Amino acid sequence: MSDGSTLSEPKRPALDLPTAADQPQRRRLAGLFSMVVTLALLAMIVDQFRHMKLAAIAAMVPVSAGFWIAFAAYYLVQPLSELVIYR
């Protein structure tokens, strides 16, 4: 077309992207959701422990020294590795 007109691109639908004004509300909702899930989980744990005797709960705790050594080593691997890395 030599008359100077160009083909127009097809129109795309406008995206409804969240704005900065939407962010505080989303954060509030995310925090509320997180709190509700945490409270529900704690309520289920309390309900399960309520039906158990204290002796049964104490019997579940391992008494082997090997377990506690492995547990402590596993627990301390990440902080100690970060200490070495960032030193």
N, C-alpha and C. Protein backbone atom coordinates (compact mmCIF):
# COMPACT_ATOMS: atom_id res chain seq x y z
N MET A 1 0.85 -1.18 0.00
CA MET A 1 0.00 0.00 0.00
C MET A 1 0.88 1.23 0.00
N SER A 2 0.79 1.94 -1.01
CA SER A 2 1.66 3.09 -1.17
C SER A 2 1.03 4.40 -0.74
N ASP A 3 -0.20 4.37 -0.24
CA ASP A 3 -0.85 5.61 0.15
C ASP A 3 -0.53 6.05 1.56
N GLY A 4 0.39 5.35 2.24
CA GLY A 4 0.81 5.77 3.57
C GLY A 4 0.01 5.12 4.68
N SER A 5 -1.04 4.41 4.36
CA SER A 5 -1.82 3.77 5.42
C SER A 5 -1.13 2.47 5.82
N THR A 6 -1.25 2.13 7.05
CA THR A 6 -0.64 0.90 7.55
C THR A 6 -1.73 -0.01 8.07
N LEU A 7 -1.42 -1.25 8.07
CA LEU A 7 -2.37 -2.19 8.64
C LEU A 7 -2.32 -2.06 10.16
N SER A 8 -3.46 -1.98 10.74
CA SER A 8 -3.48 -1.86 12.20
C SER A 8 -3.40 -3.25 12.81
N GLU A 9 -2.75 -3.29 13.95
CA GLU A 9 -2.63 -4.57 14.65
C GLU A 9 -3.97 -4.89 15.29
N PRO A 10 -4.28 -6.15 15.42
CA PRO A 10 -5.54 -6.50 16.07
C PRO A 10 -5.52 -6.01 17.52
N LYS A 11 -6.66 -5.56 17.98
CA LYS A 11 -6.75 -5.06 19.35
C LYS A 11 -6.71 -6.21 20.33
N ARG A 12 -5.92 -6.03 21.34
CA ARG A 12 -5.81 -7.04 22.39
C ARG A 12 -6.69 -6.62 23.55
N PRO A 13 -7.26 -7.60 24.25
CA PRO A 13 -8.07 -7.23 25.41
C PRO A 13 -7.19 -6.61 26.49
N ALA A 14 -7.75 -5.65 27.19
CA ALA A 14 -7.01 -4.99 28.27
C ALA A 14 -6.83 -5.97 29.43
N LEU A 15 -5.64 -5.99 29.98
CA LEU A 15 -5.37 -6.86 31.12
C LEU A 15 -5.76 -6.15 32.40
N ASP A 16 -6.38 -6.88 33.28
CA ASP A 16 -6.77 -6.31 34.56
C ASP A 16 -5.68 -6.67 35.58
N LEU A 17 -4.60 -5.93 35.54
CA LEU A 17 -3.48 -6.19 36.43
C LEU A 17 -3.70 -5.52 37.78
N PRO A 18 -3.22 -6.17 38.85
CA PRO A 18 -3.38 -5.53 40.16
C PRO A 18 -2.56 -4.25 40.24
N THR A 19 -3.13 -3.27 40.87
CA THR A 19 -2.44 -1.99 41.03
C THR A 19 -1.81 -1.94 42.42
N ALA A 20 -1.05 -0.90 42.65
CA ALA A 20 -0.41 -0.74 43.96
C ALA A 20 -1.45 -0.58 45.06
N ALA A 21 -2.62 -0.04 44.71
CA ALA A 21 -3.67 0.15 45.71
C ALA A 21 -4.26 -1.19 46.15
N ASP A 22 -4.18 -2.22 45.29
CA ASP A 22 -4.73 -3.53 45.63
C ASP A 22 -3.81 -4.32 46.57
N GLN A 23 -2.55 -3.99 46.62
CA GLN A 23 -1.58 -4.79 47.36
C GLN A 23 -1.86 -4.88 48.86
N PRO A 24 -2.17 -3.79 49.57
CA PRO A 24 -2.43 -3.93 51.01
C PRO A 24 -3.60 -4.87 51.30
N GLN A 25 -4.63 -4.82 50.48
CA GLN A 25 -5.78 -5.70 50.70
C GLN A 25 -5.39 -7.16 50.46
N ARG A 26 -4.60 -7.41 49.42
CA ARG A 26 -4.15 -8.77 49.15
C ARG A 26 -3.27 -9.29 50.29
N ARG A 27 -2.40 -8.43 50.80
CA ARG A 27 -1.54 -8.84 51.92
C ARG A 27 -2.38 -9.17 53.15
N ARG A 28 -3.39 -8.34 53.39
CA ARG A 28 -4.26 -8.57 54.54
C ARG A 28 -4.99 -9.90 54.39
N LEU A 29 -5.51 -10.17 53.19
CA LEU A 29 -6.23 -11.43 52.96
C LEU A 29 -5.28 -12.63 53.07
N ALA A 30 -4.07 -12.49 52.56
CA ALA A 30 -3.09 -13.58 52.66
C ALA A 30 -2.73 -13.84 54.12
N GLY A 31 -2.55 -12.78 54.89
CA GLY A 31 -2.25 -12.94 56.31
C GLY A 31 -3.40 -13.57 57.07
N LEU A 32 -4.62 -13.17 56.74
CA LEU A 32 -5.80 -13.74 57.39
C LEU A 32 -5.93 -15.21 57.05
N PHE A 33 -5.73 -15.56 55.78
CA PHE A 33 -5.80 -16.95 55.36
C PHE A 33 -4.76 -17.79 56.09
N SER A 34 -3.55 -17.27 56.18
CA SER A 34 -2.47 -17.98 56.87
C SER A 34 -2.82 -18.20 58.33
N MET A 35 -3.38 -17.19 58.98
CA MET A 35 -3.75 -17.31 60.38
C MET A 35 -4.86 -18.35 60.57
N VAL A 36 -5.84 -18.36 59.68
CA VAL A 36 -6.95 -19.31 59.79
C VAL A 36 -6.44 -20.75 59.62
N VAL A 37 -5.56 -20.97 58.65
CA VAL A 37 -5.01 -22.31 58.44
C VAL A 37 -4.19 -22.75 59.65
N THR A 38 -3.39 -21.85 60.21
CA THR A 38 -2.58 -22.18 61.38
C THR A 38 -3.46 -22.52 62.57
N LEU A 39 -4.50 -21.72 62.81
CA LEU A 39 -5.39 -21.99 63.94
C LEU A 39 -6.15 -23.30 63.75
N ALA A 40 -6.55 -23.60 62.52
CA ALA A 40 -7.24 -24.86 62.25
C ALA A 40 -6.32 -26.04 62.51
N LEU A 41 -5.07 -25.93 62.10
CA LEU A 41 -4.10 -26.99 62.33
C LEU A 41 -3.86 -27.19 63.83
N LEU A 42 -3.70 -26.10 64.56
CA LEU A 42 -3.50 -26.21 66.01
C LEU A 42 -4.71 -26.82 66.70
N ALA A 43 -5.91 -26.46 66.24
CA ALA A 43 -7.13 -27.03 66.82
C ALA A 43 -7.19 -28.54 66.58
N MET A 44 -6.79 -28.99 65.40
CA MET A 44 -6.78 -30.43 65.12
C MET A 44 -5.75 -31.16 65.97
N ILE A 45 -4.59 -30.55 66.16
CA ILE A 45 -3.55 -31.16 66.99
C ILE A 45 -4.03 -31.29 68.43
N VAL A 46 -4.61 -30.22 68.95
CA VAL A 46 -5.12 -30.25 70.33
C VAL A 46 -6.21 -31.31 70.46
N ASP A 47 -7.08 -31.41 69.47
CA ASP A 47 -8.15 -32.41 69.51
C ASP A 47 -7.57 -33.82 69.52
N GLN A 48 -6.54 -34.07 68.72
CA GLN A 48 -5.93 -35.40 68.69
C GLN A 48 -5.25 -35.72 70.02
N PHE A 49 -4.53 -34.77 70.58
CA PHE A 49 -3.84 -35.01 71.85
C PHE A 49 -4.81 -35.12 73.02
N ARG A 50 -5.96 -34.51 72.90
CA ARG A 50 -6.95 -34.57 73.97
C ARG A 50 -7.44 -35.99 74.21
N HIS A 51 -7.44 -36.79 73.16
CA HIS A 51 -7.94 -38.16 73.27
C HIS A 51 -6.84 -39.16 73.66
N MET A 52 -5.64 -38.67 73.90
CA MET A 52 -4.53 -39.55 74.26
C MET A 52 -4.14 -39.35 75.72
N LYS A 53 -3.65 -40.40 76.30
CA LYS A 53 -3.15 -40.30 77.67
C LYS A 53 -1.72 -39.77 77.63
N LEU A 54 -1.30 -39.12 78.71
CA LEU A 54 0.05 -38.56 78.79
C LEU A 54 1.12 -39.65 78.66
N ALA A 55 0.85 -40.82 79.20
CA ALA A 55 1.82 -41.93 79.10
C ALA A 55 1.99 -42.36 77.65
N ALA A 56 0.93 -42.34 76.86
CA ALA A 56 1.01 -42.71 75.45
C ALA A 56 1.83 -41.69 74.67
N ILE A 57 1.66 -40.42 75.02
CA ILE A 57 2.43 -39.36 74.35
C ILE A 57 3.90 -39.49 74.71
N ALA A 58 4.20 -39.74 75.99
CA ALA A 58 5.59 -39.89 76.43
C ALA A 58 6.23 -41.12 75.80
N ALA A 59 5.45 -42.17 75.54
CA ALA A 59 5.99 -43.38 74.93
C ALA A 59 6.40 -43.15 73.48
N MET A 60 5.87 -42.12 72.84
CA MET A 60 6.20 -41.83 71.44
C MET A 60 7.56 -41.14 71.30
N VAL A 61 8.07 -40.57 72.37
CA VAL A 61 9.34 -39.85 72.31
C VAL A 61 10.48 -40.86 72.29
N PRO A 62 11.36 -40.80 71.30
CA PRO A 62 12.46 -41.77 71.23
C PRO A 62 13.41 -41.63 72.43
N VAL A 63 13.94 -42.76 72.89
CA VAL A 63 14.87 -42.75 74.01
C VAL A 63 16.28 -43.13 73.59
N SER A 64 16.46 -43.52 72.35
CA SER A 64 17.77 -43.94 71.85
C SER A 64 18.71 -42.74 71.72
N ALA A 65 19.94 -42.90 72.23
CA ALA A 65 20.93 -41.83 72.13
C ALA A 65 21.32 -41.59 70.67
N GLY A 66 21.36 -42.66 69.88
CA GLY A 66 21.68 -42.52 68.46
C GLY A 66 20.69 -41.64 67.72
N PHE A 67 19.42 -41.77 68.07
CA PHE A 67 18.40 -40.93 67.44
C PHE A 67 18.67 -39.46 67.76
N TRP A 68 18.92 -39.16 69.02
CA TRP A 68 19.10 -37.77 69.42
C TRP A 68 20.38 -37.17 68.85
N ILE A 69 21.42 -37.97 68.70
CA ILE A 69 22.65 -37.48 68.07
C ILE A 69 22.40 -37.19 66.60
N ALA A 70 21.70 -38.11 65.91
CA ALA A 70 21.38 -37.89 64.49
C ALA A 70 20.45 -36.69 64.34
N PHE A 71 19.50 -36.56 65.25
CA PHE A 71 18.56 -35.44 65.20
C PHE A 71 19.30 -34.11 65.37
N ALA A 72 20.19 -34.04 66.35
CA ALA A 72 20.95 -32.81 66.59
C ALA A 72 21.84 -32.48 65.40
N ALA A 73 22.49 -33.51 64.82
CA ALA A 73 23.34 -33.28 63.65
C ALA A 73 22.52 -32.76 62.48
N TYR A 74 21.38 -33.39 62.23
CA TYR A 74 20.52 -32.97 61.12
C TYR A 74 20.01 -31.54 61.35
N TYR A 75 19.67 -31.24 62.58
CA TYR A 75 19.15 -29.92 62.93
C TYR A 75 20.21 -28.83 62.75
N LEU A 76 21.46 -29.14 63.03
CA LEU A 76 22.53 -28.15 63.00
C LEU A 76 23.26 -28.05 61.66
N VAL A 77 22.97 -28.94 60.71
CA VAL A 77 23.68 -28.92 59.43
C VAL A 77 23.49 -27.60 58.70
N GLN A 78 22.27 -27.12 58.59
CA GLN A 78 22.03 -25.89 57.84
C GLN A 78 22.71 -24.67 58.48
N PRO A 79 22.49 -24.39 59.76
CA PRO A 79 23.16 -23.21 60.32
C PRO A 79 24.68 -23.29 60.26
N LEU A 80 25.23 -24.47 60.49
CA LEU A 80 26.69 -24.60 60.43
C LEU A 80 27.21 -24.43 59.01
N SER A 81 26.47 -24.95 58.02
CA SER A 81 26.92 -24.78 56.63
C SER A 81 26.85 -23.31 56.23
N GLU A 82 25.84 -22.60 56.67
CA GLU A 82 25.75 -21.17 56.36
C GLU A 82 26.86 -20.39 57.05
N LEU A 83 27.22 -20.81 58.25
CA LEU A 83 28.33 -20.16 58.94
C LEU A 83 29.62 -20.31 58.14
N VAL A 84 29.83 -21.50 57.59
CA VAL A 84 31.03 -21.74 56.78
C VAL A 84 30.95 -20.96 55.47
N ILE A 85 29.80 -20.95 54.83
CA ILE A 85 29.65 -20.29 53.53
C ILE A 85 29.83 -18.78 53.65
N TYR A 86 29.18 -18.16 54.61
CA TYR A 86 29.17 -16.70 54.70
C TYR A 86 30.31 -16.14 55.54
N ARG A 87 31.20 -16.97 55.98
CA ARG A 87 32.30 -16.51 56.81
C ARG A 87 33.37 -15.87 56.00
